[in-house]
Amino acid sequence: MRHGHEQAIEVLDRELDGVSGVLTDLTDADWERPTHLVPEGEGITPWRVADLVAHIDISIGLTLGLLDSIQTGQPGRDRASFFIAERSTVAPVVYAYALAHAAEGDRTSLVERTRSTFAASLAGIRNHPPDTIGSGFFALMRLEEWVPTRVVEAVVHGIDLTDALDRTSVATPEGIATTAGILDDVLARRTVAGRPPDLIDDVMWVRAASGRTAHPDPRLPLIV
């Protein structure tokens, strides 16, 4: 298990490095671009790149919250069940947090903060054993279960970022494989296991299962 945990950390490191590279190249015009993300509810302004970057900072930064809340206790979620949530309840909260965070600074300051969050999160992960338990937002989680969830966040939101900028995805094959496997597990737990037959390719599966590409299968999308 430890070997798998260390591998997951390295995958997360590479995913965050790819996202960080995209952040470095952003212009002020890019910052205001709309993304393809449609918020929950009627008549709500689509996410901008600025809001997406704010969400990425918050999402990866939850790692620091877990490490600041180390305790003994019974983990309530794992890498798959973390993503099982009611969209209508969670999505508006996530969107509001992102907008508020984006409003706290300009492009330069938020990019700098986000990259700092990446570095601090990776350093914290590497300084704690895989069986460390802390708050995983919804419930207590083990660090070795938490790290793969951050890979999913980095992969999916990295795709959101490059889609908004009309750039090629920076997700790594390992990151895509990790994300695809977790989404397979989420599908099996939420409804009936087994991808639609036209989504054997992991990239296509990740995009459809995360709602980034429309698909007629009523089980999809799976995550917020």
C-alpha atoms as a PDB file:
ATOM      1  CA  MET A   1       0.000   0.000   0.000  1.00  0.00           C
ATOM      2  CA  ARG A   2       2.832   2.361   0.795  1.00  0.00           C
ATOM      3  CA  HIS A   3       4.275   1.854  -2.662  1.00  0.00           C
ATOM      4  CA  GLY A   4       0.891   2.726  -4.167  1.00  0.00           C
ATOM      5  CA  HIS A   5       0.683   5.823  -1.980  1.00  0.00           C
ATOM      6  CA  GLU A   6       4.101   7.034  -3.039  1.00  0.00           C
ATOM      7  CA  GLN A   7       3.173   6.460  -6.670  1.00  0.00           C
ATOM      8  CA  ALA A   8      -0.022   8.481  -6.197  1.00  0.00           C
ATOM      9  CA  ILE A   9       1.999  11.348  -4.733  1.00  0.00           C
ATOM     10  CA  GLU A  10       4.268  11.383  -7.760  1.00  0.00           C
ATOM     11  CA  VAL A  11       1.265  11.364 -10.105  1.00  0.00           C
ATOM     12  CA  LEU A  12      -0.235  14.294  -8.191  1.00  0.00           C
ATOM     13  CA  ASP A  13       3.079  16.133  -8.359  1.00  0.00           C
ATOM     14  CA  ARG A  14       3.201  15.771 -12.142  1.00  0.00           C
ATOM     15  CA  GLU A  15      -0.436  16.806 -12.566  1.00  0.00           C
ATOM     16  CA  LEU A  16       0.040  19.920 -10.457  1.00  0.00           C
ATOM     17  CA  ASP A  17       3.223  20.755 -12.325  1.00  0.00           C
ATOM     18  CA  GLY A  18       1.302  20.659 -15.602  1.00  0.00           C
ATOM     19  CA  VAL A  19      -1.441  22.912 -14.247  1.00  0.00           C
ATOM     20  CA  SER A  20       1.175  25.246 -12.793  1.00  0.00           C
ATOM     21  CA  GLY A  21       2.749  25.619 -16.219  1.00  0.00           C
ATOM     22  CA  VAL A  22      -0.587  26.709 -17.687  1.00  0.00           C
ATOM     23  CA  LEU A  23      -1.058  29.223 -14.863  1.00  0.00           C
ATOM     24  CA  THR A  24       2.334  30.763 -15.624  1.00  0.00           C
ATOM     25  CA  ASP A  25       1.269  31.571 -19.177  1.00  0.00           C
ATOM     26  CA  LEU A  26      -2.063  33.224 -18.352  1.00  0.00           C
ATOM     27  CA  THR A  27      -2.694  36.777 -19.525  1.00  0.00           C
ATOM     28  CA  ASP A  28      -5.172  39.316 -18.156  1.00  0.00           C
ATOM     29  CA  ALA A  29      -7.431  38.541 -21.122  1.00  0.00           C
ATOM     30  CA  ASP A  30      -7.259  34.824 -20.326  1.00  0.00           C
ATOM     31  CA  TRP A  31      -8.200  35.583 -16.723  1.00  0.00           C
ATOM     32  CA  GLU A  32     -11.591  36.941 -17.760  1.00  0.00           C
ATOM     33  CA  ARG A  33     -12.391  34.218 -20.279  1.00  0.00           C
ATOM     34  CA  PRO A  34     -15.512  32.158 -19.653  1.00  0.00           C
ATOM     35  CA  THR A  35     -14.975  28.458 -19.114  1.00  0.00           C
ATOM     36  CA  HIS A  36     -17.264  25.698 -20.336  1.00  0.00           C
ATOM     37  CA  LEU A  37     -18.477  25.095 -16.773  1.00  0.00           C
ATOM     38  CA  VAL A  38     -22.155  25.851 -16.255  1.00  0.00           C
ATOM     39  CA  PRO A  39     -23.126  26.611 -12.636  1.00  0.00           C
ATOM     40  CA  GLU A  40     -26.081  24.921 -10.967  1.00  0.00           C
ATOM     41  CA  GLY A  41     -29.222  27.069 -11.156  1.00  0.00           C
ATOM     42  CA  GLU A  42     -30.897  29.455 -13.572  1.00  0.00           C
ATOM     43  CA  GLY A  43     -29.329  32.626 -14.953  1.00  0.00           C
ATOM     44  CA  ILE A  44     -25.998  32.274 -13.152  1.00  0.00           C
ATOM     45  CA  THR A  45     -22.884  33.635 -14.848  1.00  0.00           C
ATOM     46  CA  PRO A  46     -20.600  30.868 -16.185  1.00  0.00           C
ATOM     47  CA  TRP A  47     -17.324  30.248 -14.412  1.00  0.00           C
ATOM     48  CA  ARG A  48     -14.459  32.454 -15.595  1.00  0.00           C
ATOM     49  CA  VAL A  49     -10.870  31.239 -15.714  1.00  0.00           C
ATOM     50  CA  ALA A  50     -10.284  33.403 -12.625  1.00  0.00           C
ATOM     51  CA  ASP A  51     -13.020  31.542 -10.728  1.00  0.00           C
ATOM     52  CA  LEU A  52     -11.695  28.181 -11.903  1.00  0.00           C
ATOM     53  CA  VAL A  53      -8.174  28.977 -10.695  1.00  0.00           C
ATOM     54  CA  ALA A  54      -9.632  30.070  -7.358  1.00  0.00           C
ATOM     55  CA  HIS A  55     -11.443  26.747  -7.108  1.00  0.00           C
ATOM     56  CA  ILE A  56      -8.273  24.822  -7.943  1.00  0.00           C
ATOM     57  CA  ASP A  57      -6.460  26.667  -5.154  1.00  0.00           C
ATOM     58  CA  ILE A  58      -9.265  25.871  -2.702  1.00  0.00           C
ATOM     59  CA  SER A  59      -9.516  22.249  -3.830  1.00  0.00           C
ATOM     60  CA  ILE A  60      -5.839  21.389  -3.536  1.00  0.00           C
ATOM     61  CA  GLY A  61      -5.597  23.520  -0.392  1.00  0.00           C
ATOM     62  CA  LEU A  62      -8.087  21.237   1.374  1.00  0.00           C
ATOM     63  CA  THR A  63      -5.054  18.983   1.789  1.00  0.00           C
ATOM     64  CA  LEU A  64      -3.630  21.463   4.267  1.00  0.00           C
ATOM     65  CA  GLY A  65      -6.925  21.375   6.147  1.00  0.00           C
ATOM     66  CA  LEU A  66      -6.684  17.596   6.443  1.00  0.00           C
ATOM     67  CA  LEU A  67      -3.116  17.820   7.731  1.00  0.00           C
ATOM     68  CA  ASP A  68      -4.083  20.574  10.181  1.00  0.00           C
ATOM     69  CA  SER A  69      -6.830  18.359  11.631  1.00  0.00           C
ATOM     70  CA  ILE A  70      -4.935  15.105  12.235  1.00  0.00           C
ATOM     71  CA  GLN A  71      -6.774  12.922  14.711  1.00  0.00           C
ATOM     72  CA  THR A  72      -7.713   9.380  15.568  1.00  0.00           C
ATOM     73  CA  GLY A  73     -11.090   8.297  14.338  1.00  0.00           C
ATOM     74  CA  GLN A  74     -13.045   6.208  11.875  1.00  0.00           C
ATOM     75  CA  PRO A  75     -12.647   7.363   8.257  1.00  0.00           C
ATOM     76  CA  GLY A  76     -16.045   8.020   6.738  1.00  0.00           C
ATOM     77  CA  ARG A  77     -15.059   8.297   3.083  1.00  0.00           C
ATOM     78  CA  ASP A  78     -12.533   6.882   0.654  1.00  0.00           C
ATOM     79  CA  ARG A  79     -11.217   7.944  -2.760  1.00  0.00           C
ATOM     80  CA  ALA A  80     -14.457   7.037  -4.546  1.00  0.00           C
ATOM     81  CA  SER A  81     -17.117   7.925  -1.994  1.00  0.00           C
ATOM     82  CA  PHE A  82     -15.593  11.402  -1.669  1.00  0.00           C
ATOM     83  CA  PHE A  83     -17.137  12.155  -5.061  1.00  0.00           C
ATOM     84  CA  ILE A  84     -20.597  10.862  -4.241  1.00  0.00           C
ATOM     85  CA  ALA A  85     -22.576  13.971  -3.352  1.00  0.00           C
ATOM     86  CA  GLU A  86     -25.794  15.723  -4.296  1.00  0.00           C
ATOM     87  CA  ARG A  87     -24.922  18.200  -7.041  1.00  0.00           C
ATOM     88  CA  SER A  88     -27.813  20.560  -6.291  1.00  0.00           C
ATOM     89  CA  THR A  89     -26.557  20.950  -2.727  1.00  0.00           C
ATOM     90  CA  VAL A  90     -22.797  20.999  -3.177  1.00  0.00           C
ATOM     91  CA  ALA A  91     -22.333  22.789  -6.517  1.00  0.00           C
ATOM     92  CA  PRO A  92     -23.755  26.191  -5.470  1.00  0.00           C
ATOM     93  CA  VAL A  93     -21.532  26.220  -2.381  1.00  0.00           C
ATOM     94  CA  VAL A  94     -18.446  25.346  -4.420  1.00  0.00           C
ATOM     95  CA  TYR A  95     -19.280  28.087  -6.941  1.00  0.00           C
ATOM     96  CA  ALA A  96     -19.830  30.713  -4.236  1.00  0.00           C
ATOM     97  CA  TYR A  97     -16.513  29.857  -2.560  1.00  0.00           C
ATOM     98  CA  ALA A  98     -14.701  30.163  -5.889  1.00  0.00           C
ATOM     99  CA  LEU A  99     -16.210  33.552  -6.736  1.00  0.00           C
ATOM    100  CA  ALA A 100     -15.404  34.942  -3.296  1.00  0.00           C
ATOM    101  CA  HIS A 101     -11.837  33.647  -3.427  1.00  0.00           C
ATOM    102  CA  ALA A 102     -11.256  35.024  -6.932  1.00  0.00           C
ATOM    103  CA  ALA A 103     -12.435  38.446  -5.769  1.00  0.00           C
ATOM    104  CA  GLU A 104      -9.761  38.588  -3.073  1.00  0.00           C
ATOM    105  CA  GLY A 105      -6.892  39.341  -5.442  1.00  0.00           C
ATOM    106  CA  ASP A 106      -5.714  39.893  -8.988  1.00  0.00           C
ATOM    107  CA  ARG A 107      -4.319  37.363 -11.451  1.00  0.00           C
ATOM    108  CA  THR A 108      -0.715  37.662 -10.266  1.00  0.00           C
ATOM    109  CA  SER A 109      -1.502  37.250  -6.584  1.00  0.00           C
ATOM    110  CA  LEU A 110      -3.902  34.331  -7.031  1.00  0.00           C
ATOM    111  CA  VAL A 111      -1.584  32.459  -9.383  1.00  0.00           C
ATOM    112  CA  GLU A 112       1.255  32.931  -6.905  1.00  0.00           C
ATOM    113  CA  ARG A 113      -0.947  31.738  -4.057  1.00  0.00           C
ATOM    114  CA  THR A 114      -2.149  28.709  -6.003  1.00  0.00           C
ATOM    115  CA  ARG A 115       1.364  27.607  -6.866  1.00  0.00           C
ATOM    116  CA  SER A 116       2.323  28.076  -3.217  1.00  0.00           C
ATOM    117  CA  THR A 117      -0.654  25.915  -2.229  1.00  0.00           C
ATOM    118  CA  PHE A 118       0.537  23.197  -4.597  1.00  0.00           C
ATOM    119  CA  ALA A 119       4.033  23.215  -3.088  1.00  0.00           C
ATOM    120  CA  ALA A 120       2.829  23.297   0.522  1.00  0.00           C
ATOM    121  CA  SER A 121       0.311  20.504  -0.079  1.00  0.00           C
ATOM    122  CA  LEU A 122       2.880  18.209  -1.682  1.00  0.00           C
ATOM    123  CA  ALA A 123       5.401  18.925   1.072  1.00  0.00           C
ATOM    124  CA  GLY A 124       2.793  18.191   3.746  1.00  0.00           C
ATOM    125  CA  ILE A 125       1.735  14.944   2.095  1.00  0.00           C
ATOM    126  CA  ARG A 126       5.329  13.763   1.886  1.00  0.00           C
ATOM    127  CA  ASN A 127       5.928  14.577   5.569  1.00  0.00           C
ATOM    128  CA  HIS A 128       3.114  12.345   6.855  1.00  0.00           C
ATOM    129  CA  PRO A 129       2.530   8.581   6.719  1.00  0.00           C
ATOM    130  CA  PRO A 130      -0.201   7.194   4.465  1.00  0.00           C
ATOM    131  CA  ASP A 131      -2.379   6.111   7.399  1.00  0.00           C
ATOM    132  CA  THR A 132      -2.660   9.701   8.685  1.00  0.00           C
ATOM    133  CA  ILE A 133      -6.311  10.575   9.355  1.00  0.00           C
ATOM    134  CA  GLY A 134      -7.797  14.057   9.126  1.00  0.00           C
ATOM    135  CA  SER A 135     -10.778  15.992   7.838  1.00  0.00           C
ATOM    136  CA  GLY A 136     -11.514  15.248   4.185  1.00  0.00           C
ATOM    137  CA  PHE A 137     -14.161  17.979   3.869  1.00  0.00           C
ATOM    138  CA  PHE A 138     -17.203  15.663   4.059  1.00  0.00           C
ATOM    139  CA  ALA A 139     -15.787  13.221   6.616  1.00  0.00           C
ATOM    140  CA  LEU A 140     -12.536  11.876   8.055  1.00  0.00           C
ATOM    141  CA  MET A 141     -10.239  10.302   5.468  1.00  0.00           C
ATOM    142  CA  ARG A 142      -6.906   8.519   5.388  1.00  0.00           C
ATOM    143  CA  LEU A 143      -4.183  10.421   3.581  1.00  0.00           C
ATOM    144  CA  GLU A 144      -3.590   7.497   1.201  1.00  0.00           C
ATOM    145  CA  GLU A 145      -7.244   7.754   0.129  1.00  0.00           C
ATOM    146  CA  TRP A 146      -7.172  11.549  -0.020  1.00  0.00           C
ATOM    147  CA  VAL A 147      -4.213  11.931  -2.379  1.00  0.00           C
ATOM    148  CA  PRO A 148      -5.930  10.166  -5.330  1.00  0.00           C
ATOM    149  CA  THR A 149      -8.915  12.503  -4.938  1.00  0.00           C
ATOM    150  CA  ARG A 150      -6.580  15.441  -5.501  1.00  0.00           C
ATOM    151  CA  VAL A 151      -5.304  13.725  -8.651  1.00  0.00           C
ATOM    152  CA  VAL A 152      -8.898  13.647  -9.912  1.00  0.00           C
ATOM    153  CA  GLU A 153      -9.343  17.330  -9.062  1.00  0.00           C
ATOM    154  CA  ALA A 154      -6.091  18.272 -10.802  1.00  0.00           C
ATOM    155  CA  VAL A 155      -6.908  16.226 -13.905  1.00  0.00           C
ATOM    156  CA  VAL A 156     -10.527  17.340 -14.305  1.00  0.00           C
ATOM    157  CA  HIS A 157      -9.937  21.008 -13.536  1.00  0.00           C
ATOM    158  CA  GLY A 158      -6.766  20.992 -15.593  1.00  0.00           C
ATOM    159  CA  ILE A 159      -8.960  19.868 -18.491  1.00  0.00           C
ATOM    160  CA  ASP A 160     -11.402  22.667 -17.656  1.00  0.00           C
ATOM    161  CA  LEU A 161      -8.558  25.165 -17.773  1.00  0.00           C
ATOM    162  CA  THR A 162      -7.054  24.049 -21.075  1.00  0.00           C
ATOM    163  CA  ASP A 163     -10.519  23.713 -22.654  1.00  0.00           C
ATOM    164  CA  ALA A 164     -11.302  27.318 -21.716  1.00  0.00           C
ATOM    165  CA  LEU A 165      -8.013  28.454 -23.236  1.00  0.00           C
ATOM    166  CA  ASP A 166      -8.377  26.287 -26.370  1.00  0.00           C
ATOM    167  CA  ARG A 167      -5.160  24.483 -25.488  1.00  0.00           C
ATOM    168  CA  THR A 168      -4.125  20.843 -25.475  1.00  0.00           C
ATOM    169  CA  SER A 169      -4.722  19.038 -22.183  1.00  0.00           C
ATOM    170  CA  VAL A 170      -1.737  18.788 -19.853  1.00  0.00           C
ATOM    171  CA  ALA A 171      -3.093  15.732 -18.009  1.00  0.00           C
ATOM    172  CA  THR A 172      -0.618  12.857 -17.864  1.00  0.00           C
ATOM    173  CA  PRO A 173      -1.512   9.271 -18.873  1.00  0.00           C
ATOM    174  CA  GLU A 174      -1.026   8.208 -15.245  1.00  0.00           C
ATOM    175  CA  GLY A 175      -3.298  10.974 -13.993  1.00  0.00           C
ATOM    176  CA  ILE A 176      -5.968  10.058 -16.534  1.00  0.00           C
ATOM    177  CA  ALA A 177      -5.710   6.368 -15.584  1.00  0.00           C
ATOM    178  CA  THR A 178      -6.066   7.171 -11.867  1.00  0.00           C
ATOM    179  CA  THR A 179      -9.058   9.397 -12.521  1.00  0.00           C
ATOM    180  CA  ALA A 180     -10.716   6.894 -14.854  1.00  0.00           C
ATOM    181  CA  GLY A 181     -10.351   4.098 -12.308  1.00  0.00           C
ATOM    182  CA  ILE A 182     -11.887   6.148  -9.512  1.00  0.00           C
ATOM    183  CA  LEU A 183     -14.795   7.166 -11.745  1.00  0.00           C
ATOM    184  CA  ASP A 184     -15.357   3.493 -12.591  1.00  0.00           C
ATOM    185  CA  ASP A 185     -15.680   2.839  -8.860  1.00  0.00           C
ATOM    186  CA  VAL A 186     -18.005   5.819  -8.392  1.00  0.00           C
ATOM    187  CA  LEU A 187     -20.226   4.505 -11.196  1.00  0.00           C
ATOM    188  CA  ALA A 188     -20.415   1.070  -9.591  1.00  0.00           C
ATOM    189  CA  ARG A 189     -21.344   2.531  -6.213  1.00  0.00           C
ATOM    190  CA  ARG A 190     -23.873   5.078  -7.431  1.00  0.00           C
ATOM    191  CA  THR A 191     -25.763   2.987  -9.958  1.00  0.00           C
ATOM    192  CA  VAL A 192     -24.836   0.042 -12.209  1.00  0.00           C
ATOM    193  CA  ALA A 193     -21.207  -0.798 -12.893  1.00  0.00           C
ATOM    194  CA  GLY A 194     -19.794  -0.756 -16.398  1.00  0.00           C
ATOM    195  CA  ARG A 195     -18.954   2.104 -18.727  1.00  0.00           C
ATOM    196  CA  PRO A 196     -21.023   2.729 -21.846  1.00  0.00           C
ATOM    197  CA  PRO A 197     -19.432   0.692 -24.662  1.00  0.00           C
ATOM    198  CA  ASP A 198     -18.340   3.796 -26.568  1.00  0.00           C
ATOM    199  CA  LEU A 199     -16.312   5.105 -23.619  1.00  0.00           C
ATOM    200  CA  ILE A 200     -13.614   2.447 -23.367  1.00  0.00           C
ATOM    201  CA  ASP A 201     -10.956   5.113 -23.981  1.00  0.00           C
ATOM    202  CA  ASP A 202      -9.966   6.585 -20.610  1.00  0.00           C
ATOM    203  CA  VAL A 203      -9.819  10.195 -21.803  1.00  0.00           C
ATOM    204  CA  MET A 204     -13.296   9.985 -23.320  1.00  0.00           C
ATOM    205  CA  TRP A 205     -14.564   8.266 -20.160  1.00  0.00           C
ATOM    206  CA  VAL A 206     -13.138  10.918 -17.856  1.00  0.00           C
ATOM    207  CA  ARG A 207     -14.641  13.710 -19.928  1.00  0.00           C
ATOM    208  CA  ALA A 208     -18.089  12.109 -20.086  1.00  0.00           C
ATOM    209  CA  ALA A 209     -18.164  10.854 -16.489  1.00  0.00           C
ATOM    210  CA  SER A 210     -17.190  14.308 -15.215  1.00  0.00           C
ATOM    211  CA  GLY A 211     -19.752  16.034 -17.428  1.00  0.00           C
ATOM    212  CA  ARG A 212     -17.145  17.769 -19.572  1.00  0.00           C
ATOM    213  CA  THR A 213     -18.510  16.012 -22.669  1.00  0.00           C
ATOM    214  CA  ALA A 214     -22.225  15.364 -23.035  1.00  0.00           C
ATOM    215  CA  HIS A 215     -23.280  11.718 -23.202  1.00  0.00           C
ATOM    216  CA  PRO A 216     -26.752  10.159 -23.515  1.00  0.00           C
ATOM    217  CA  ASP A 217     -26.205   7.549 -20.797  1.00  0.00           C
ATOM    218  CA  PRO A 218     -28.591   8.601 -17.967  1.00  0.00           C
ATOM    219  CA  ARG A 219     -26.049   7.535 -15.334  1.00  0.00           C
ATOM    220  CA  LEU A 220     -23.750  10.354 -16.387  1.00  0.00           C
ATOM    221  CA  PRO A 221     -22.313  12.702 -15.309  1.00  0.00           C
ATOM    222  CA  LEU A 222     -21.139  11.255 -12.025  1.00  0.00           C
ATOM    223  CA  ILE A 223     -19.430  14.106 -10.222  1.00  0.00           C
ATOM    224  CA  VAL A 224     -20.032  17.739  -9.386  1.00  0.00           C
END
